[in-house]
Amino acid sequence: MKKVIFSALIATSALFLSACSPDEDNKVKVAINTGPDEAIWQVVQKVAKDKYNLDLDVISFNDYVLPNEALRNKDVDANAFQSLPYLEDQTKERGYKFAIVSKTFIFPIAAYSHKIKNINELQNGATITLSNEATTLGRSLLLLQAQGLIKLKDDVGYLPTTLDITANPKNLKLVEVDTPQLTRTLDDPNVSLSIINTNFSAQAGLSAVRDGLFMEDKASPYVNALVAREDNKDSEKVQKLKEAFQSQQVADKAQEVYKGDAIKAW
């Protein structure tokens, strides 16, 4: 009996030591979106390792829901892909217990076209494709309103839908599609214009500054954030991750990758 108890104690001690291993304290997982950000996070990985002895594992998703689910399920320690209005919306809808660790960049959403070169060329009845994701849709509609193409209800906030349109003088046809498919709609002969997130437009070689017919300005509230859970936001490794991200090397890489389409927000 003593031998069995002793063996159990050894196993329990080994498990405890493994759980508290310094190596585990130096490992952190972050969920991001696929695309240009992957190159930026390679720099974050290097800074994290060289300066903070932090082993950073970056997991990419071509999706706007899974990175938050991974964070809630503790499959990752943090994520960095979403704007603050999107985070607010998802928190209300799904009850996330998340915390903002740091603001990252503003990635201006913009309108692109393979058919016209100037907004004045937009014909009556033209088709415009928009994201069907609630926050990006609202952001797109607000951008159209800023250009005088539509009018929305007063005090509509950051999440208007097409039901909130009160005026559409050009009788534009607004078609909602999955966000990753927006760039493909530019080649549709029936689509005059598409409003696309920088993350996805950059994957198609498009730049908001260079190719956008119109875009958000620096006053945009749609700043992105590095997000953790309430229960780990103050952990040493998450704070080290924040410091690694807020480095000049990362800011320089974002400028190189996005060619001015990423506005530093920390």
C-alpha atoms as a PDB file:
ATOM      1  CA  MET A   1       0.000   0.000   0.000  1.00  0.00           C
ATOM      2  CA  LYS A   2       2.826   2.409   0.913  1.00  0.00           C
ATOM      3  CA  LYS A   3       4.442   1.748  -2.455  1.00  0.00           C
ATOM      4  CA  VAL A   4       1.201   2.583  -4.286  1.00  0.00           C
ATOM      5  CA  ILE A   5       0.751   5.818  -2.296  1.00  0.00           C
ATOM      6  CA  PHE A   6       4.382   6.795  -2.876  1.00  0.00           C
ATOM      7  CA  SER A   7       4.023   6.185  -6.610  1.00  0.00           C
ATOM      8  CA  ALA A   8       0.859   8.274  -6.680  1.00  0.00           C
ATOM      9  CA  LEU A   9       2.632  11.110  -4.905  1.00  0.00           C
ATOM     10  CA  ILE A  10       5.458  11.007  -7.426  1.00  0.00           C
ATOM     11  CA  ALA A  11       2.994  11.115 -10.307  1.00  0.00           C
ATOM     12  CA  THR A  12       1.090  14.010  -8.715  1.00  0.00           C
ATOM     13  CA  SER A  13       4.293  15.937  -8.076  1.00  0.00           C
ATOM     14  CA  ALA A  14       5.450  15.374 -11.626  1.00  0.00           C
ATOM     15  CA  LEU A  15       2.124  16.637 -12.941  1.00  0.00           C
ATOM     16  CA  PHE A  16       2.326  19.720 -10.709  1.00  0.00           C
ATOM     17  CA  LEU A  17       5.881  20.481 -11.765  1.00  0.00           C
ATOM     18  CA  SER A  18       4.950  20.036 -15.413  1.00  0.00           C
ATOM     19  CA  ALA A  19       1.995  22.428 -15.043  1.00  0.00           C
ATOM     20  CA  CYS A  20       4.246  24.992 -13.415  1.00  0.00           C
ATOM     21  CA  SER A  21       7.186  24.477 -15.721  1.00  0.00           C
ATOM     22  CA  PRO A  22       9.036  27.700 -16.617  1.00  0.00           C
ATOM     23  CA  ASP A  23       8.932  26.546 -20.218  1.00  0.00           C
ATOM     24  CA  GLU A  24       5.131  26.730 -20.184  1.00  0.00           C
ATOM     25  CA  ASP A  25       5.299  30.239 -18.736  1.00  0.00           C
ATOM     26  CA  ASN A  26       7.311  31.281 -21.794  1.00  0.00           C
ATOM     27  CA  LYS A  27       4.804  29.932 -24.321  1.00  0.00           C
ATOM     28  CA  VAL A  28       1.916  31.997 -25.637  1.00  0.00           C
ATOM     29  CA  LYS A  29      -0.581  31.334 -28.424  1.00  0.00           C
ATOM     30  CA  VAL A  30      -2.229  34.054 -30.491  1.00  0.00           C
ATOM     31  CA  ALA A  31      -5.019  33.748 -33.063  1.00  0.00           C
ATOM     32  CA  ILE A  32      -4.954  36.075 -36.079  1.00  0.00           C
ATOM     33  CA  ASN A  33      -6.481  36.239 -39.559  1.00  0.00           C
ATOM     34  CA  THR A  34      -4.712  34.827 -42.589  1.00  0.00           C
ATOM     35  CA  GLY A  35      -3.182  37.376 -44.926  1.00  0.00           C
ATOM     36  CA  PRO A  36      -0.659  40.216 -44.613  1.00  0.00           C
ATOM     37  CA  ASP A  37      -0.803  40.179 -40.812  1.00  0.00           C
ATOM     38  CA  GLU A  38       1.040  36.870 -40.860  1.00  0.00           C
ATOM     39  CA  ALA A  39       4.214  38.657 -41.998  1.00  0.00           C
ATOM     40  CA  ILE A  40       3.811  41.216 -39.219  1.00  0.00           C
ATOM     41  CA  TRP A  41       3.396  38.519 -36.611  1.00  0.00           C
ATOM     42  CA  GLN A  42       6.590  36.840 -37.761  1.00  0.00           C
ATOM     43  CA  VAL A  43       8.331  40.004 -36.585  1.00  0.00           C
ATOM     44  CA  VAL A  44       6.389  39.914 -33.308  1.00  0.00           C
ATOM     45  CA  GLN A  45       7.606  36.331 -32.851  1.00  0.00           C
ATOM     46  CA  LYS A  46      11.221  37.366 -33.300  1.00  0.00           C
ATOM     47  CA  VAL A  47      10.981  40.355 -30.958  1.00  0.00           C
ATOM     48  CA  ALA A  48       9.149  38.240 -28.364  1.00  0.00           C
ATOM     49  CA  LYS A  49      11.875  35.607 -28.433  1.00  0.00           C
ATOM     50  CA  ASP A  50      14.916  37.886 -28.660  1.00  0.00           C
ATOM     51  CA  LYS A  51      13.843  40.483 -26.105  1.00  0.00           C
ATOM     52  CA  TYR A  52      11.434  38.681 -23.788  1.00  0.00           C
ATOM     53  CA  ASN A  53      12.380  34.980 -24.148  1.00  0.00           C
ATOM     54  CA  LEU A  54       8.773  34.332 -25.141  1.00  0.00           C
ATOM     55  CA  ASP A  55       7.910  31.458 -27.478  1.00  0.00           C
ATOM     56  CA  LEU A  56       5.045  32.755 -29.584  1.00  0.00           C
ATOM     57  CA  ASP A  57       2.800  30.366 -31.507  1.00  0.00           C
ATOM     58  CA  VAL A  58       0.684  32.195 -34.104  1.00  0.00           C
ATOM     59  CA  ILE A  59      -2.451  30.423 -35.357  1.00  0.00           C
ATOM     60  CA  SER A  60      -4.137  31.824 -38.477  1.00  0.00           C
ATOM     61  CA  PHE A  61      -7.861  31.641 -39.280  1.00  0.00           C
ATOM     62  CA  ASN A  62      -9.615  32.676 -42.483  1.00  0.00           C
ATOM     63  CA  ASP A  63     -12.673  33.494 -40.414  1.00  0.00           C
ATOM     64  CA  TYR A  64     -14.041  36.183 -38.082  1.00  0.00           C
ATOM     65  CA  VAL A  65     -15.721  33.896 -35.529  1.00  0.00           C
ATOM     66  CA  LEU A  66     -13.183  31.171 -34.746  1.00  0.00           C
ATOM     67  CA  PRO A  67     -10.442  33.417 -33.281  1.00  0.00           C
ATOM     68  CA  ASN A  68     -12.805  34.570 -30.536  1.00  0.00           C
ATOM     69  CA  GLU A  69     -14.105  31.076 -29.914  1.00  0.00           C
ATOM     70  CA  ALA A  70     -10.521  29.830 -29.633  1.00  0.00           C
ATOM     71  CA  LEU A  71      -9.823  32.533 -27.048  1.00  0.00           C
ATOM     72  CA  ARG A  72     -12.933  31.748 -25.023  1.00  0.00           C
ATOM     73  CA  ASN A  73     -12.133  28.025 -25.090  1.00  0.00           C
ATOM     74  CA  LYS A  74      -8.558  28.756 -23.911  1.00  0.00           C
ATOM     75  CA  ASP A  75      -7.083  27.225 -27.048  1.00  0.00           C
ATOM     76  CA  VAL A  76      -5.156  30.496 -27.396  1.00  0.00           C
ATOM     77  CA  ASP A  77      -4.038  33.137 -24.903  1.00  0.00           C
ATOM     78  CA  ALA A  78      -4.938  36.148 -27.035  1.00  0.00           C
ATOM     79  CA  ASN A  79      -6.119  37.183 -30.472  1.00  0.00           C
ATOM     80  CA  ALA A  80      -5.454  40.126 -32.747  1.00  0.00           C
ATOM     81  CA  PHE A  81      -7.792  40.523 -35.706  1.00  0.00           C
ATOM     82  CA  GLN A  82     -10.877  42.545 -34.777  1.00  0.00           C
ATOM     83  CA  SER A  83     -11.990  46.146 -34.507  1.00  0.00           C
ATOM     84  CA  LEU A  84     -13.398  47.513 -31.268  1.00  0.00           C
ATOM     85  CA  PRO A  85     -16.987  47.823 -32.607  1.00  0.00           C
ATOM     86  CA  TYR A  86     -16.831  44.193 -33.782  1.00  0.00           C
ATOM     87  CA  LEU A  87     -15.549  43.096 -30.367  1.00  0.00           C
ATOM     88  CA  GLU A  88     -18.349  45.034 -28.673  1.00  0.00           C
ATOM     89  CA  ASP A  89     -20.960  43.456 -30.928  1.00  0.00           C
ATOM     90  CA  GLN A  90     -19.648  39.922 -30.448  1.00  0.00           C
ATOM     91  CA  THR A  91     -19.379  40.394 -26.690  1.00  0.00           C
ATOM     92  CA  LYS A  92     -23.047  41.370 -26.517  1.00  0.00           C
ATOM     93  CA  GLU A  93     -24.079  38.502 -28.783  1.00  0.00           C
ATOM     94  CA  ARG A  94     -21.926  35.725 -27.324  1.00  0.00           C
ATOM     95  CA  GLY A  95     -21.194  36.850 -23.785  1.00  0.00           C
ATOM     96  CA  TYR A  96     -17.415  36.892 -24.074  1.00  0.00           C
ATOM     97  CA  LYS A  97     -15.391  37.805 -20.980  1.00  0.00           C
ATOM     98  CA  PHE A  98     -12.586  39.519 -22.873  1.00  0.00           C
ATOM     99  CA  ALA A  99     -10.311  42.467 -22.202  1.00  0.00           C
ATOM    100  CA  ILE A 100      -8.436  44.869 -24.486  1.00  0.00           C
ATOM    101  CA  VAL A 101      -4.698  44.475 -23.934  1.00  0.00           C
ATOM    102  CA  SER A 102      -3.602  47.014 -26.539  1.00  0.00           C
ATOM    103  CA  LYS A 103      -4.842  48.869 -29.570  1.00  0.00           C
ATOM    104  CA  THR A 104      -2.948  47.796 -32.685  1.00  0.00           C
ATOM    105  CA  PHE A 105      -3.703  49.478 -36.033  1.00  0.00           C
ATOM    106  CA  ILE A 106      -6.495  51.167 -37.910  1.00  0.00           C
ATOM    107  CA  PHE A 107      -6.920  49.397 -41.236  1.00  0.00           C
ATOM    108  CA  PRO A 108      -9.106  51.747 -43.302  1.00  0.00           C
ATOM    109  CA  ILE A 109     -11.902  50.046 -45.196  1.00  0.00           C
ATOM    110  CA  ALA A 110     -12.169  51.241 -48.805  1.00  0.00           C
ATOM    111  CA  ALA A 111     -14.192  51.011 -51.995  1.00  0.00           C
ATOM    112  CA  TYR A 112     -12.620  49.318 -55.016  1.00  0.00           C
ATOM    113  CA  SER A 113     -13.672  48.847 -58.613  1.00  0.00           C
ATOM    114  CA  HIS A 114     -12.494  47.206 -61.823  1.00  0.00           C
ATOM    115  CA  LYS A 115     -15.174  49.107 -63.760  1.00  0.00           C
ATOM    116  CA  ILE A 116     -14.871  52.771 -62.824  1.00  0.00           C
ATOM    117  CA  LYS A 117     -12.027  55.125 -61.931  1.00  0.00           C
ATOM    118  CA  ASN A 118     -13.999  57.795 -60.106  1.00  0.00           C
ATOM    119  CA  ILE A 119     -17.067  57.786 -57.901  1.00  0.00           C
ATOM    120  CA  ASN A 120     -18.709  60.260 -60.271  1.00  0.00           C
ATOM    121  CA  GLU A 121     -18.825  57.451 -62.862  1.00  0.00           C
ATOM    122  CA  LEU A 122     -21.113  55.337 -60.676  1.00  0.00           C
ATOM    123  CA  GLN A 123     -24.344  54.832 -62.618  1.00  0.00           C
ATOM    124  CA  ASN A 124     -27.900  54.821 -61.317  1.00  0.00           C
ATOM    125  CA  GLY A 125     -28.901  51.289 -60.360  1.00  0.00           C
ATOM    126  CA  ALA A 126     -25.289  50.117 -60.030  1.00  0.00           C
ATOM    127  CA  THR A 127     -24.549  47.048 -57.917  1.00  0.00           C
ATOM    128  CA  ILE A 128     -22.275  47.372 -54.886  1.00  0.00           C
ATOM    129  CA  THR A 129     -21.105  44.357 -52.892  1.00  0.00           C
ATOM    130  CA  LEU A 130     -20.716  44.586 -49.129  1.00  0.00           C
ATOM    131  CA  SER A 131     -19.726  42.216 -46.359  1.00  0.00           C
ATOM    132  CA  ASN A 132     -22.562  40.254 -44.758  1.00  0.00           C
ATOM    133  CA  GLU A 133     -20.790  40.325 -41.366  1.00  0.00           C
ATOM    134  CA  ALA A 134     -22.687  42.730 -39.116  1.00  0.00           C
ATOM    135  CA  THR A 135     -19.899  45.068 -38.052  1.00  0.00           C
ATOM    136  CA  THR A 136     -18.221  45.251 -41.460  1.00  0.00           C
ATOM    137  CA  LEU A 137     -21.599  45.773 -43.120  1.00  0.00           C
ATOM    138  CA  GLY A 138     -22.344  48.671 -40.780  1.00  0.00           C
ATOM    139  CA  ARG A 139     -18.912  50.111 -41.394  1.00  0.00           C
ATOM    140  CA  SER A 140     -19.456  49.877 -45.166  1.00  0.00           C
ATOM    141  CA  LEU A 141     -22.843  51.577 -45.004  1.00  0.00           C
ATOM    142  CA  LEU A 142     -21.401  54.415 -42.935  1.00  0.00           C
ATOM    143  CA  LEU A 143     -18.680  54.838 -45.549  1.00  0.00           C
ATOM    144  CA  LEU A 144     -21.295  55.009 -48.335  1.00  0.00           C
ATOM    145  CA  GLN A 145     -23.197  57.607 -46.318  1.00  0.00           C
ATOM    146  CA  ALA A 146     -20.027  59.671 -45.869  1.00  0.00           C
ATOM    147  CA  GLN A 147     -19.783  59.796 -49.661  1.00  0.00           C
ATOM    148  CA  GLY A 148     -23.386  60.974 -49.988  1.00  0.00           C
ATOM    149  CA  LEU A 149     -24.435  57.789 -51.806  1.00  0.00           C
ATOM    150  CA  ILE A 150     -27.026  56.786 -49.210  1.00  0.00           C
ATOM    151  CA  LYS A 151     -28.562  58.250 -46.061  1.00  0.00           C
ATOM    152  CA  LEU A 152     -29.077  56.305 -42.835  1.00  0.00           C
ATOM    153  CA  LYS A 153     -31.386  56.877 -39.888  1.00  0.00           C
ATOM    154  CA  ASP A 154     -30.154  59.422 -37.364  1.00  0.00           C
ATOM    155  CA  ASP A 155     -28.174  58.081 -34.397  1.00  0.00           C
ATOM    156  CA  VAL A 156     -27.862  54.665 -36.021  1.00  0.00           C
ATOM    157  CA  GLY A 157     -24.568  53.910 -34.269  1.00  0.00           C
ATOM    158  CA  TYR A 158     -21.858  51.609 -35.618  1.00  0.00           C
ATOM    159  CA  LEU A 159     -24.104  48.732 -36.667  1.00  0.00           C
ATOM    160  CA  PRO A 160     -26.581  49.956 -39.279  1.00  0.00           C
ATOM    161  CA  THR A 161     -28.122  47.482 -41.699  1.00  0.00           C
ATOM    162  CA  THR A 162     -29.695  48.039 -45.089  1.00  0.00           C
ATOM    163  CA  LEU A 163     -33.031  48.385 -43.254  1.00  0.00           C
ATOM    164  CA  ASP A 164     -31.696  51.642 -41.795  1.00  0.00           C
ATOM    165  CA  ILE A 165     -31.299  53.283 -45.215  1.00  0.00           C
ATOM    166  CA  THR A 166     -33.679  56.230 -45.526  1.00  0.00           C
ATOM    167  CA  ALA A 167     -32.468  57.532 -48.892  1.00  0.00           C
ATOM    168  CA  ASN A 168     -30.787  55.912 -51.901  1.00  0.00           C
ATOM    169  CA  PRO A 169     -30.853  58.578 -54.639  1.00  0.00           C
ATOM    170  CA  LYS A 170     -28.992  56.460 -57.203  1.00  0.00           C
ATOM    171  CA  ASN A 171     -31.129  53.369 -56.495  1.00  0.00           C
ATOM    172  CA  LEU A 172     -27.966  51.407 -55.810  1.00  0.00           C
ATOM    173  CA  LYS A 173     -28.303  47.645 -55.445  1.00  0.00           C
ATOM    174  CA  LEU A 174     -26.484  46.606 -52.277  1.00  0.00           C
ATOM    175  CA  VAL A 175     -25.587  42.921 -52.257  1.00  0.00           C
ATOM    176  CA  GLU A 176     -24.188  41.246 -49.146  1.00  0.00           C
ATOM    177  CA  VAL A 177     -21.637  38.442 -49.572  1.00  0.00           C
ATOM    178  CA  ASP A 178     -19.167  36.554 -47.384  1.00  0.00           C
ATOM    179  CA  THR A 179     -16.256  38.840 -46.555  1.00  0.00           C
ATOM    180  CA  PRO A 180     -13.490  36.628 -48.049  1.00  0.00           C
ATOM    181  CA  GLN A 181     -15.393  36.590 -51.376  1.00  0.00           C
ATOM    182  CA  LEU A 182     -15.588  40.365 -51.819  1.00  0.00           C
ATOM    183  CA  THR A 183     -12.433  40.680 -53.925  1.00  0.00           C
ATOM    184  CA  ARG A 184     -13.768  38.065 -56.345  1.00  0.00           C
ATOM    185  CA  THR A 185     -16.890  40.117 -56.969  1.00  0.00           C
ATOM    186  CA  LEU A 186     -14.746  42.843 -58.537  1.00  0.00           C
ATOM    187  CA  ASP A 187     -14.525  40.650 -61.660  1.00  0.00           C
ATOM    188  CA  ASP A 188     -18.286  40.133 -61.812  1.00  0.00           C
ATOM    189  CA  PRO A 189     -19.554  42.084 -64.861  1.00  0.00           C
ATOM    190  CA  ASN A 190     -22.625  43.114 -62.872  1.00  0.00           C
ATOM    191  CA  VAL A 191     -20.696  44.606 -59.937  1.00  0.00           C
ATOM    192  CA  SER A 192     -19.547  48.215 -60.186  1.00  0.00           C
ATOM    193  CA  LEU A 193     -18.023  48.613 -56.757  1.00  0.00           C
ATOM    194  CA  SER A 194     -17.056  46.588 -53.692  1.00  0.00           C
ATOM    195  CA  ILE A 195     -16.232  47.778 -50.190  1.00  0.00           C
ATOM    196  CA  ILE A 196     -13.500  45.582 -48.745  1.00  0.00           C
ATOM    197  CA  ASN A 197     -11.549  45.260 -45.503  1.00  0.00           C
ATOM    198  CA  THR A 198      -7.841  45.964 -45.785  1.00  0.00           C
ATOM    199  CA  ASN A 199      -7.020  42.449 -44.583  1.00  0.00           C
ATOM    200  CA  PHE A 200      -8.741  40.888 -47.586  1.00  0.00           C
ATOM    201  CA  SER A 201      -8.051  43.593 -50.164  1.00  0.00           C
ATOM    202  CA  ALA A 202      -4.319  43.329 -49.456  1.00  0.00           C
ATOM    203  CA  GLN A 203      -4.440  39.604 -50.225  1.00  0.00           C
ATOM    204  CA  ALA A 204      -5.622  40.574 -53.725  1.00  0.00           C
ATOM    205  CA  GLY A 205      -2.800  43.092 -54.124  1.00  0.00           C
ATOM    206  CA  LEU A 206      -5.013  46.106 -53.509  1.00  0.00           C
ATOM    207  CA  SER A 207      -4.062  49.135 -51.438  1.00  0.00           C
ATOM    208  CA  ALA A 208      -6.627  51.491 -49.933  1.00  0.00           C
ATOM    209  CA  VAL A 209      -4.288  54.457 -50.387  1.00  0.00           C
ATOM    210  CA  ARG A 210      -3.321  53.541 -53.955  1.00  0.00           C
ATOM    211  CA  ASP A 211      -6.379  51.758 -55.386  1.00  0.00           C
ATOM    212  CA  GLY A 212      -9.336  52.830 -53.286  1.00  0.00           C
ATOM    213  CA  LEU A 213     -11.906  55.141 -54.866  1.00  0.00           C
ATOM    214  CA  PHE A 214     -12.667  56.351 -51.357  1.00  0.00           C
ATOM    215  CA  MET A 215     -11.759  55.184 -47.867  1.00  0.00           C
ATOM    216  CA  GLU A 216     -12.090  55.865 -44.160  1.00  0.00           C
ATOM    217  CA  ASP A 217      -9.959  58.600 -42.698  1.00  0.00           C
ATOM    218  CA  LYS A 218      -7.722  58.580 -39.612  1.00  0.00           C
ATOM    219  CA  ALA A 219     -10.664  59.462 -37.373  1.00  0.00           C
ATOM    220  CA  SER A 220     -12.192  56.022 -37.896  1.00  0.00           C
ATOM    221  CA  PRO A 221     -13.397  54.397 -34.647  1.00  0.00           C
ATOM    222  CA  TYR A 222     -12.658  50.991 -36.135  1.00  0.00           C
ATOM    223  CA  VAL A 223      -9.299  50.521 -34.486  1.00  0.00           C
ATOM    224  CA  ASN A 224      -8.116  46.926 -34.092  1.00  0.00           C
ATOM    225  CA  ALA A 225      -7.001  45.439 -30.796  1.00  0.00           C
ATOM    226  CA  LEU A 226      -4.923  42.770 -29.125  1.00  0.00           C
ATOM    227  CA  VAL A 227      -7.441  40.956 -26.939  1.00  0.00           C
ATOM    228  CA  ALA A 228      -7.117  38.498 -24.060  1.00  0.00           C
ATOM    229  CA  ARG A 229      -9.520  37.057 -21.509  1.00  0.00           C
ATOM    230  CA  GLU A 230     -10.365  38.792 -18.253  1.00  0.00           C
ATOM    231  CA  ASP A 231      -8.708  35.915 -16.410  1.00  0.00           C
ATOM    232  CA  ASN A 232      -5.322  36.198 -18.157  1.00  0.00           C
ATOM    233  CA  LYS A 233      -5.068  39.827 -19.311  1.00  0.00           C
ATOM    234  CA  ASP A 234      -2.563  40.710 -16.569  1.00  0.00           C
ATOM    235  CA  SER A 235      -0.467  37.565 -16.874  1.00  0.00           C
ATOM    236  CA  GLU A 236       3.254  38.090 -17.394  1.00  0.00           C
ATOM    237  CA  LYS A 237       3.323  36.390 -20.779  1.00  0.00           C
ATOM    238  CA  VAL A 238       0.384  38.400 -22.141  1.00  0.00           C
ATOM    239  CA  GLN A 239       2.041  41.605 -20.971  1.00  0.00           C
ATOM    240  CA  LYS A 240       5.309  40.512 -22.614  1.00  0.00           C
ATOM    241  CA  LEU A 241       3.340  39.839 -25.789  1.00  0.00           C
ATOM    242  CA  LYS A 242       1.951  43.371 -25.628  1.00  0.00           C
ATOM    243  CA  GLU A 243       5.444  44.838 -25.268  1.00  0.00           C
ATOM    244  CA  ALA A 244       6.748  42.745 -28.161  1.00  0.00           C
ATOM    245  CA  PHE A 245       3.897  43.927 -30.369  1.00  0.00           C
ATOM    246  CA  GLN A 246       4.354  47.583 -29.451  1.00  0.00           C
ATOM    247  CA  SER A 247       7.862  47.636 -30.871  1.00  0.00           C
ATOM    248  CA  GLN A 248       9.312  49.816 -33.581  1.00  0.00           C
ATOM    249  CA  GLN A 249      10.210  46.698 -35.569  1.00  0.00           C
ATOM    250  CA  VAL A 250       6.529  45.751 -35.755  1.00  0.00           C
ATOM    251  CA  ALA A 251       5.458  49.293 -36.710  1.00  0.00           C
ATOM    252  CA  ASP A 252       8.104  49.325 -39.456  1.00  0.00           C
ATOM    253  CA  LYS A 253       6.983  45.940 -40.785  1.00  0.00           C
ATOM    254  CA  ALA A 254       3.356  47.069 -40.900  1.00  0.00           C
ATOM    255  CA  GLN A 255       4.383  50.104 -42.928  1.00  0.00           C
ATOM    256  CA  GLU A 256       6.339  47.863 -45.318  1.00  0.00           C
ATOM    257  CA  VAL A 257       3.512  45.332 -45.698  1.00  0.00           C
ATOM    258  CA  TYR A 258       0.538  47.692 -45.892  1.00  0.00           C
ATOM    259  CA  LYS A 259       2.211  50.613 -47.700  1.00  0.00           C
ATOM    260  CA  GLY A 260       0.446  53.191 -45.534  1.00  0.00           C
ATOM    261  CA  ASP A 261      -2.812  51.246 -45.173  1.00  0.00           C
ATOM    262  CA  ALA A 262      -2.066  50.466 -41.502  1.00  0.00           C
ATOM    263  CA  ILE A 263      -2.216  53.408 -39.094  1.00  0.00           C
ATOM    264  CA  LYS A 264      -0.404  52.820 -35.793  1.00  0.00           C
ATOM    265  CA  ALA A 265      -2.832  53.149 -32.874  1.00  0.00           C
ATOM    266  CA  TRP A 266      -0.752  52.583 -29.711  1.00  0.00           C
END
